Amino acid sequence: MDTRSTLALSETEIRNELEDWADAVRAKDVDRIFAHYAPEIVAFDAIAQLQFKGNDAYRKHWESCLTMCTGAMIFEVHELEITTGAELAFAHALNRCGGTGPDGKEMSGWMRMTSCLLKQHGKWRIVHEHFSAPFDPQSNTALWLTP
């Protein structure tokens, strides 16, 4: 296979991995979510701590976040762009995340997402993830705007 074909295949594999990861989030399936992360994940999330190092720390954070959404989970990936090499890739997108409260009211916001992936043992795994929201420095509040 030539280089162009190899990179196209890698992009398809990564897109499939990220689609399955997003499906797992919507299903609130923590085991399936973590099948997409490398054990040495370093993550910068939009809430709670400054950073999470390793699967154990990040898993506890995910479990806590998922309990905040008592109803159906909203987790949409928009404008996904992937840049890949043979064994290292990154993806960025806009992500709409939230859920429905006990009263049925939707609570969601938009964030920026970046994922860095490494091919390990023939599988693409997320080694770094970053979610963030812009903030207003005047009010010191996050801006959960629509794109």
N, C-alpha and C. Protein backbone atom coordinates (compact mmCIF):
# COMPACT_ATOMS: atom_id res chain seq x y z
N MET A 1 0.84 -1.17 0.00
CA MET A 1 0.00 0.00 0.00
C MET A 1 0.89 1.24 0.00
N ASP A 2 0.56 2.23 -0.82
CA ASP A 2 1.37 3.44 -0.87
C ASP A 2 1.04 4.35 0.33
N THR A 3 1.84 5.38 0.50
CA THR A 3 1.69 6.27 1.66
C THR A 3 0.32 6.94 1.71
N ARG A 4 -0.16 7.42 0.58
CA ARG A 4 -1.46 8.08 0.55
C ARG A 4 -2.57 7.13 0.99
N SER A 5 -2.52 5.89 0.51
CA SER A 5 -3.53 4.89 0.88
C SER A 5 -3.43 4.54 2.36
N THR A 6 -2.22 4.44 2.87
CA THR A 6 -2.00 4.12 4.28
C THR A 6 -2.57 5.23 5.17
N LEU A 7 -2.32 6.49 4.80
CA LEU A 7 -2.83 7.61 5.59
C LEU A 7 -4.35 7.70 5.52
N ALA A 8 -4.92 7.41 4.35
CA ALA A 8 -6.38 7.42 4.22
C ALA A 8 -6.99 6.32 5.09
N LEU A 9 -6.36 5.15 5.12
CA LEU A 9 -6.84 4.06 5.96
C LEU A 9 -6.73 4.45 7.44
N SER A 10 -5.62 5.09 7.82
CA SER A 10 -5.45 5.53 9.20
C SER A 10 -6.53 6.53 9.59
N GLU A 11 -6.84 7.47 8.70
CA GLU A 11 -7.88 8.45 9.01
C GLU A 11 -9.23 7.76 9.20
N THR A 12 -9.53 6.79 8.36
CA THR A 12 -10.79 6.04 8.49
C THR A 12 -10.82 5.29 9.81
N GLU A 13 -9.72 4.65 10.17
CA GLU A 13 -9.65 3.91 11.45
C GLU A 13 -9.87 4.86 12.63
N ILE A 14 -9.23 6.03 12.58
CA ILE A 14 -9.37 6.99 13.67
C ILE A 14 -10.80 7.52 13.75
N ARG A 15 -11.38 7.84 12.61
CA ARG A 15 -12.76 8.32 12.58
C ARG A 15 -13.69 7.27 13.20
N ASN A 16 -13.48 5.99 12.85
CA ASN A 16 -14.29 4.91 13.42
C ASN A 16 -14.08 4.80 14.93
N GLU A 17 -12.83 4.92 15.38
CA GLU A 17 -12.54 4.87 16.82
C GLU A 17 -13.27 6.00 17.55
N LEU A 18 -13.20 7.21 17.00
CA LEU A 18 -13.82 8.35 17.67
C LEU A 18 -15.35 8.26 17.62
N GLU A 19 -15.91 7.71 16.57
CA GLU A 19 -17.36 7.50 16.52
C GLU A 19 -17.79 6.48 17.57
N ASP A 20 -17.03 5.39 17.72
CA ASP A 20 -17.38 4.40 18.72
C ASP A 20 -17.21 4.97 20.13
N TRP A 21 -16.17 5.76 20.34
CA TRP A 21 -15.94 6.42 21.62
C TRP A 21 -17.13 7.32 21.96
N ALA A 22 -17.60 8.14 20.99
CA ALA A 22 -18.74 9.02 21.23
C ALA A 22 -20.01 8.21 21.51
N ASP A 23 -20.20 7.11 20.79
CA ASP A 23 -21.35 6.22 21.06
C ASP A 23 -21.28 5.68 22.48
N ALA A 24 -20.08 5.31 22.92
CA ALA A 24 -19.90 4.79 24.28
C ALA A 24 -20.22 5.85 25.33
N VAL A 25 -19.85 7.10 25.05
CA VAL A 25 -20.17 8.19 25.98
C VAL A 25 -21.69 8.35 26.07
N ARG A 26 -22.36 8.38 24.93
CA ARG A 26 -23.83 8.52 24.94
C ARG A 26 -24.49 7.36 25.68
N ALA A 27 -23.88 6.18 25.60
CA ALA A 27 -24.42 5.00 26.29
C ALA A 27 -23.99 4.96 27.77
N LYS A 28 -23.12 5.88 28.16
CA LYS A 28 -22.57 5.94 29.52
C LYS A 28 -21.87 4.63 29.89
N ASP A 29 -21.18 4.07 28.92
CA ASP A 29 -20.48 2.79 29.07
C ASP A 29 -18.99 3.07 29.32
N VAL A 30 -18.62 3.18 30.59
CA VAL A 30 -17.27 3.58 30.96
C VAL A 30 -16.22 2.59 30.44
N ASP A 31 -16.50 1.30 30.51
CA ASP A 31 -15.53 0.32 30.01
C ASP A 31 -15.26 0.53 28.52
N ARG A 32 -16.32 0.76 27.76
CA ARG A 32 -16.16 0.98 26.32
C ARG A 32 -15.48 2.32 26.03
N ILE A 33 -15.78 3.34 26.83
CA ILE A 33 -15.10 4.63 26.67
C ILE A 33 -13.60 4.41 26.83
N PHE A 34 -13.23 3.67 27.88
CA PHE A 34 -11.80 3.52 28.18
C PHE A 34 -11.08 2.52 27.30
N ALA A 35 -11.81 1.80 26.48
CA ALA A 35 -11.16 0.94 25.48
C ALA A 35 -10.45 1.79 24.44
N HIS A 36 -10.76 3.08 24.37
CA HIS A 36 -10.18 3.98 23.38
C HIS A 36 -9.02 4.80 23.91
N TYR A 37 -8.73 4.70 25.20
CA TYR A 37 -7.63 5.46 25.80
C TYR A 37 -6.42 4.57 26.04
N ALA A 38 -5.25 5.17 25.87
CA ALA A 38 -4.01 4.50 26.25
C ALA A 38 -3.89 4.57 27.78
N PRO A 39 -3.24 3.58 28.38
CA PRO A 39 -3.10 3.60 29.85
C PRO A 39 -2.42 4.87 30.36
N GLU A 40 -1.55 5.46 29.55
CA GLU A 40 -0.80 6.63 29.97
C GLU A 40 -1.48 7.96 29.57
N ILE A 41 -2.78 7.94 29.36
CA ILE A 41 -3.53 9.14 28.96
C ILE A 41 -3.20 10.33 29.87
N VAL A 42 -3.03 11.48 29.26
CA VAL A 42 -2.96 12.76 29.98
C VAL A 42 -4.10 13.59 29.41
N ALA A 43 -4.98 14.04 30.28
CA ALA A 43 -6.17 14.74 29.82
C ALA A 43 -6.33 16.08 30.54
N PHE A 44 -6.75 17.07 29.76
CA PHE A 44 -7.12 18.38 30.27
C PHE A 44 -8.61 18.53 29.98
N ASP A 45 -9.42 18.43 31.02
CA ASP A 45 -10.86 18.52 30.83
C ASP A 45 -11.33 19.94 31.14
N ALA A 46 -12.55 20.24 30.75
CA ALA A 46 -13.10 21.59 30.93
C ALA A 46 -13.57 21.83 32.37
N ILE A 47 -13.71 20.76 33.16
CA ILE A 47 -14.19 20.93 34.53
C ILE A 47 -13.30 20.17 35.51
N ALA A 48 -13.39 20.54 36.74
CA ALA A 48 -12.73 19.89 37.88
C ALA A 48 -11.24 20.22 37.92
N GLN A 49 -10.39 19.25 37.72
CA GLN A 49 -8.96 19.42 37.92
C GLN A 49 -8.26 20.06 36.72
N LEU A 50 -7.03 20.50 36.97
CA LEU A 50 -6.21 21.08 35.92
C LEU A 50 -5.80 20.02 34.91
N GLN A 51 -5.49 18.80 35.40
CA GLN A 51 -5.10 17.71 34.52
C GLN A 51 -5.35 16.37 35.20
N PHE A 52 -5.44 15.34 34.35
CA PHE A 52 -5.61 13.96 34.81
C PHE A 52 -4.50 13.14 34.16
N LYS A 53 -3.80 12.36 34.96
CA LYS A 53 -2.72 11.53 34.44
C LYS A 53 -3.03 10.07 34.70
N GLY A 54 -3.14 9.31 33.61
CA GLY A 54 -3.37 7.87 33.71
C GLY A 54 -4.85 7.52 33.71
N ASN A 55 -5.11 6.27 33.31
CA ASN A 55 -6.48 5.78 33.21
C ASN A 55 -7.25 5.84 34.52
N ASP A 56 -6.62 5.50 35.63
CA ASP A 56 -7.34 5.47 36.90
C ASP A 56 -7.91 6.84 37.26
N ALA A 57 -7.08 7.86 37.18
CA ALA A 57 -7.53 9.21 37.53
C ALA A 57 -8.59 9.71 36.55
N TYR A 58 -8.38 9.47 35.26
CA TYR A 58 -9.32 9.98 34.28
C TYR A 58 -10.63 9.20 34.32
N ARG A 59 -10.54 7.92 34.59
CA ARG A 59 -11.75 7.10 34.70
C ARG A 59 -12.65 7.60 35.84
N LYS A 60 -12.06 7.89 36.99
CA LYS A 60 -12.84 8.40 38.12
C LYS A 60 -13.53 9.70 37.74
N HIS A 61 -12.84 10.54 36.99
CA HIS A 61 -13.43 11.80 36.54
C HIS A 61 -14.61 11.54 35.59
N TRP A 62 -14.41 10.65 34.62
CA TRP A 62 -15.50 10.31 33.69
C TRP A 62 -16.71 9.76 34.46
N GLU A 63 -16.47 8.87 35.40
CA GLU A 63 -17.57 8.29 36.17
C GLU A 63 -18.34 9.39 36.91
N SER A 64 -17.62 10.34 37.48
CA SER A 64 -18.26 11.45 38.17
C SER A 64 -19.06 12.31 37.20
N CYS A 65 -18.49 12.60 36.05
CA CYS A 65 -19.19 13.43 35.06
C CYS A 65 -20.46 12.75 34.57
N LEU A 66 -20.39 11.46 34.32
CA LEU A 66 -21.55 10.75 33.79
C LEU A 66 -22.70 10.70 34.80
N THR A 67 -22.41 10.73 36.09
CA THR A 67 -23.48 10.74 37.09
C THR A 67 -24.21 12.08 37.12
N MET A 68 -23.59 13.13 36.59
CA MET A 68 -24.24 14.44 36.54
C MET A 68 -25.40 14.46 35.55
N CYS A 69 -25.36 13.56 34.59
CA CYS A 69 -26.41 13.50 33.55
C CYS A 69 -27.37 12.38 33.91
N THR A 70 -28.46 12.73 34.58
CA THR A 70 -29.38 11.70 35.03
C THR A 70 -30.26 11.17 33.92
N GLY A 71 -30.50 11.97 32.91
CA GLY A 71 -31.33 11.54 31.78
C GLY A 71 -30.46 11.12 30.61
N ALA A 72 -31.03 11.27 29.42
CA ALA A 72 -30.31 10.92 28.20
C ALA A 72 -29.08 11.82 28.05
N MET A 73 -27.99 11.22 27.64
CA MET A 73 -26.72 11.91 27.45
C MET A 73 -26.68 12.55 26.07
N ILE A 74 -26.28 13.83 26.03
CA ILE A 74 -26.04 14.52 24.77
C ILE A 74 -24.55 14.57 24.58
N PHE A 75 -24.06 14.04 23.47
CA PHE A 75 -22.63 14.07 23.18
C PHE A 75 -22.47 14.01 21.67
N GLU A 76 -22.29 15.17 21.08
CA GLU A 76 -22.21 15.28 19.63
C GLU A 76 -20.85 15.84 19.23
N VAL A 77 -20.24 15.23 18.23
CA VAL A 77 -18.96 15.70 17.70
C VAL A 77 -19.25 16.35 16.35
N HIS A 78 -18.85 17.62 16.23
CA HIS A 78 -19.09 18.39 15.01
C HIS A 78 -17.76 18.90 14.44
N GLU A 79 -17.73 19.03 13.13
CA GLU A 79 -16.58 19.60 12.42
C GLU A 79 -15.28 18.86 12.73
N LEU A 80 -15.35 17.54 12.81
CA LEU A 80 -14.18 16.72 13.11
C LEU A 80 -13.16 16.81 11.98
N GLU A 81 -11.94 17.15 12.33
CA GLU A 81 -10.82 17.18 11.39
C GLU A 81 -9.73 16.28 11.95
N ILE A 82 -9.14 15.46 11.08
CA ILE A 82 -8.10 14.51 11.50
C ILE A 82 -6.86 14.72 10.65
N THR A 83 -5.72 14.78 11.31
CA THR A 83 -4.43 14.82 10.63
C THR A 83 -3.64 13.64 11.14
N THR A 84 -3.13 12.83 10.22
CA THR A 84 -2.49 11.59 10.65
C THR A 84 -1.17 11.34 9.95
N GLY A 85 -0.31 10.66 10.67
CA GLY A 85 0.90 10.10 10.13
C GLY A 85 0.78 8.59 10.26
N ALA A 86 1.88 7.90 10.15
CA ALA A 86 1.84 6.44 10.22
C ALA A 86 1.47 5.93 11.60
N GLU A 87 1.95 6.61 12.66
CA GLU A 87 1.70 6.12 14.02
C GLU A 87 1.23 7.18 15.00
N LEU A 88 1.15 8.44 14.55
CA LEU A 88 0.75 9.53 15.41
C LEU A 88 -0.26 10.40 14.67
N ALA A 89 -1.32 10.81 15.36
CA ALA A 89 -2.36 11.61 14.72
C ALA A 89 -2.98 12.55 15.74
N PHE A 90 -3.63 13.59 15.23
CA PHE A 90 -4.44 14.41 16.11
C PHE A 90 -5.75 14.74 15.42
N ALA A 91 -6.74 14.97 16.25
CA ALA A 91 -8.07 15.32 15.75
C ALA A 91 -8.57 16.50 16.57
N HIS A 92 -9.32 17.36 15.92
CA HIS A 92 -9.96 18.44 16.66
C HIS A 92 -11.38 18.59 16.17
N ALA A 93 -12.24 19.05 17.07
CA ALA A 93 -13.66 19.17 16.75
C ALA A 93 -14.32 20.11 17.74
N LEU A 94 -15.56 20.42 17.45
CA LEU A 94 -16.42 21.09 18.41
C LEU A 94 -17.34 20.02 18.97
N ASN A 95 -17.59 20.11 20.27
CA ASN A 95 -18.35 19.06 20.94
C ASN A 95 -19.48 19.69 21.73
N ARG A 96 -20.68 19.18 21.49
CA ARG A 96 -21.85 19.58 22.27
C ARG A 96 -22.10 18.49 23.30
N CYS A 97 -22.09 18.88 24.57
CA CYS A 97 -22.16 17.89 25.63
C CYS A 97 -23.16 18.35 26.69
N GLY A 98 -23.88 17.38 27.23
CA GLY A 98 -24.82 17.68 28.30
C GLY A 98 -25.78 16.53 28.50
N GLY A 99 -26.91 16.87 29.04
CA GLY A 99 -27.92 15.85 29.31
C GLY A 99 -29.25 16.49 29.61
N THR A 100 -30.16 15.66 30.05
CA THR A 100 -31.46 16.14 30.46
C THR A 100 -31.60 15.92 31.96
N GLY A 101 -32.13 16.91 32.63
CA GLY A 101 -32.33 16.81 34.07
C GLY A 101 -33.55 16.00 34.41
N PRO A 102 -33.79 15.78 35.69
CA PRO A 102 -34.97 15.03 36.13
C PRO A 102 -36.28 15.66 35.66
N ASP A 103 -36.25 16.98 35.42
CA ASP A 103 -37.44 17.68 34.94
C ASP A 103 -37.60 17.59 33.43
N GLY A 104 -36.67 16.89 32.75
CA GLY A 104 -36.74 16.74 31.31
C GLY A 104 -36.13 17.90 30.54
N LYS A 105 -35.64 18.90 31.26
CA LYS A 105 -35.04 20.07 30.62
C LYS A 105 -33.61 19.76 30.17
N GLU A 106 -33.30 20.13 28.94
CA GLU A 106 -31.96 19.91 28.40
C GLU A 106 -30.99 20.94 28.97
N MET A 107 -29.82 20.43 29.36
CA MET A 107 -28.72 21.28 29.82
C MET A 107 -27.50 20.86 29.03
N SER A 108 -27.01 21.73 28.15
CA SER A 108 -25.85 21.36 27.34
C SER A 108 -25.05 22.61 27.01
N GLY A 109 -23.83 22.38 26.56
CA GLY A 109 -22.96 23.46 26.16
C GLY A 109 -21.98 22.98 25.11
N TRP A 110 -21.31 23.92 24.48
CA TRP A 110 -20.32 23.62 23.44
C TRP A 110 -18.92 23.76 24.00
N MET A 111 -18.07 22.85 23.59
CA MET A 111 -16.67 22.89 24.00
C MET A 111 -15.79 22.65 22.78
N ARG A 112 -14.52 22.94 22.96
CA ARG A 112 -13.52 22.60 21.96
C ARG A 112 -12.88 21.29 22.39
N MET A 113 -12.56 20.44 21.43
CA MET A 113 -11.98 19.14 21.73
C MET A 113 -10.76 18.90 20.84
N THR A 114 -9.69 18.44 21.44
CA THR A 114 -8.52 17.98 20.71
C THR A 114 -8.13 16.63 21.27
N SER A 115 -7.88 15.67 20.39
CA SER A 115 -7.41 14.34 20.79
C SER A 115 -6.14 14.02 20.02
N CYS A 116 -5.15 13.55 20.74
CA CYS A 116 -3.91 13.07 20.11
C CYS A 116 -3.92 11.55 20.25
N LEU A 117 -3.64 10.87 19.15
CA LEU A 117 -3.72 9.42 19.11
C LEU A 117 -2.38 8.82 18.70
N LEU A 118 -2.09 7.67 19.25
CA LEU A 118 -0.88 6.92 18.94
C LEU A 118 -1.29 5.50 18.57
N LYS A 119 -0.68 4.97 17.54
CA LYS A 119 -0.98 3.60 17.15
C LYS A 119 -0.15 2.67 18.04
N GLN A 120 -0.85 1.87 18.84
CA GLN A 120 -0.22 0.96 19.78
C GLN A 120 -0.73 -0.45 19.53
N HIS A 121 0.17 -1.37 19.22
CA HIS A 121 -0.20 -2.76 18.97
C HIS A 121 -1.29 -2.87 17.89
N GLY A 122 -1.17 -2.03 16.86
CA GLY A 122 -2.09 -2.09 15.74
C GLY A 122 -3.40 -1.34 15.92
N LYS A 123 -3.61 -0.68 17.07
CA LYS A 123 -4.86 0.05 17.35
C LYS A 123 -4.55 1.51 17.68
N TRP A 124 -5.40 2.40 17.22
CA TRP A 124 -5.26 3.81 17.56
C TRP A 124 -5.85 4.03 18.95
N ARG A 125 -5.06 4.64 19.83
CA ARG A 125 -5.49 4.93 21.19
C ARG A 125 -5.23 6.40 21.51
N ILE A 126 -6.15 7.00 22.25
CA ILE A 126 -6.02 8.40 22.64
C ILE A 126 -4.99 8.49 23.77
N VAL A 127 -3.93 9.26 23.54
CA VAL A 127 -2.88 9.44 24.55
C VAL A 127 -2.97 10.81 25.21
N HIS A 128 -3.67 11.73 24.55
CA HIS A 128 -3.90 13.06 25.13
C HIS A 128 -5.25 13.57 24.65
N GLU A 129 -5.99 14.15 25.58
CA GLU A 129 -7.30 14.70 25.25
C GLU A 129 -7.43 16.05 25.95
N HIS A 130 -8.06 16.99 25.24
CA HIS A 130 -8.22 18.32 25.81
C HIS A 130 -9.60 18.84 25.45
N PHE A 131 -10.39 19.13 26.46
CA PHE A 131 -11.68 19.79 26.30
C PHE A 131 -11.56 21.17 26.96
N SER A 132 -12.10 22.17 26.30
CA SER A 132 -12.09 23.50 26.90
C SER A 132 -13.24 24.33 26.36
N ALA A 133 -13.55 25.37 27.11
CA ALA A 133 -14.54 26.35 26.68
C ALA A 133 -13.88 27.72 26.79
N PRO A 134 -14.15 28.61 25.85
CA PRO A 134 -13.61 29.96 26.00
C PRO A 134 -14.23 30.61 27.24
N PHE A 135 -13.58 31.61 27.78
CA PHE A 135 -14.17 32.29 28.94
C PHE A 135 -14.10 33.80 28.74
N ASP A 136 -15.00 34.47 29.42
CA ASP A 136 -15.06 35.92 29.40
C ASP A 136 -14.19 36.43 30.55
N PRO A 137 -13.07 37.10 30.25
CA PRO A 137 -12.20 37.56 31.34
C PRO A 137 -12.83 38.64 32.21
N GLN A 138 -13.83 39.36 31.69
CA GLN A 138 -14.49 40.40 32.49
C GLN A 138 -15.33 39.78 33.61
N SER A 139 -16.07 38.71 33.27
CA SER A 139 -16.95 38.08 34.27
C SER A 139 -16.34 36.82 34.86
N ASN A 140 -15.23 36.34 34.28
CA ASN A 140 -14.56 35.11 34.70
C ASN A 140 -15.50 33.89 34.61
N THR A 141 -16.34 33.86 33.58
CA THR A 141 -17.25 32.75 33.38
C THR A 141 -17.01 32.10 32.03
N ALA A 142 -17.29 30.80 31.97
CA ALA A 142 -17.15 30.07 30.72
C ALA A 142 -18.25 30.48 29.75
N LEU A 143 -17.91 30.43 28.47
CA LEU A 143 -18.86 30.77 27.42
C LEU A 143 -19.23 29.50 26.69
N TRP A 144 -20.40 28.96 26.97
CA TRP A 144 -20.86 27.71 26.37
C TRP A 144 -21.67 28.05 25.11
N LEU A 145 -21.03 28.72 24.18
CA LEU A 145 -21.69 29.25 22.99
C LEU A 145 -21.89 28.19 21.92
N THR A 146 -22.83 28.45 21.04
CA THR A 146 -22.97 27.61 19.85
C THR A 146 -21.98 28.12 18.80
N PRO A 147 -21.51 27.22 17.95
CA PRO A 147 -20.52 27.64 16.96
C PRO A 147 -21.11 28.57 15.91
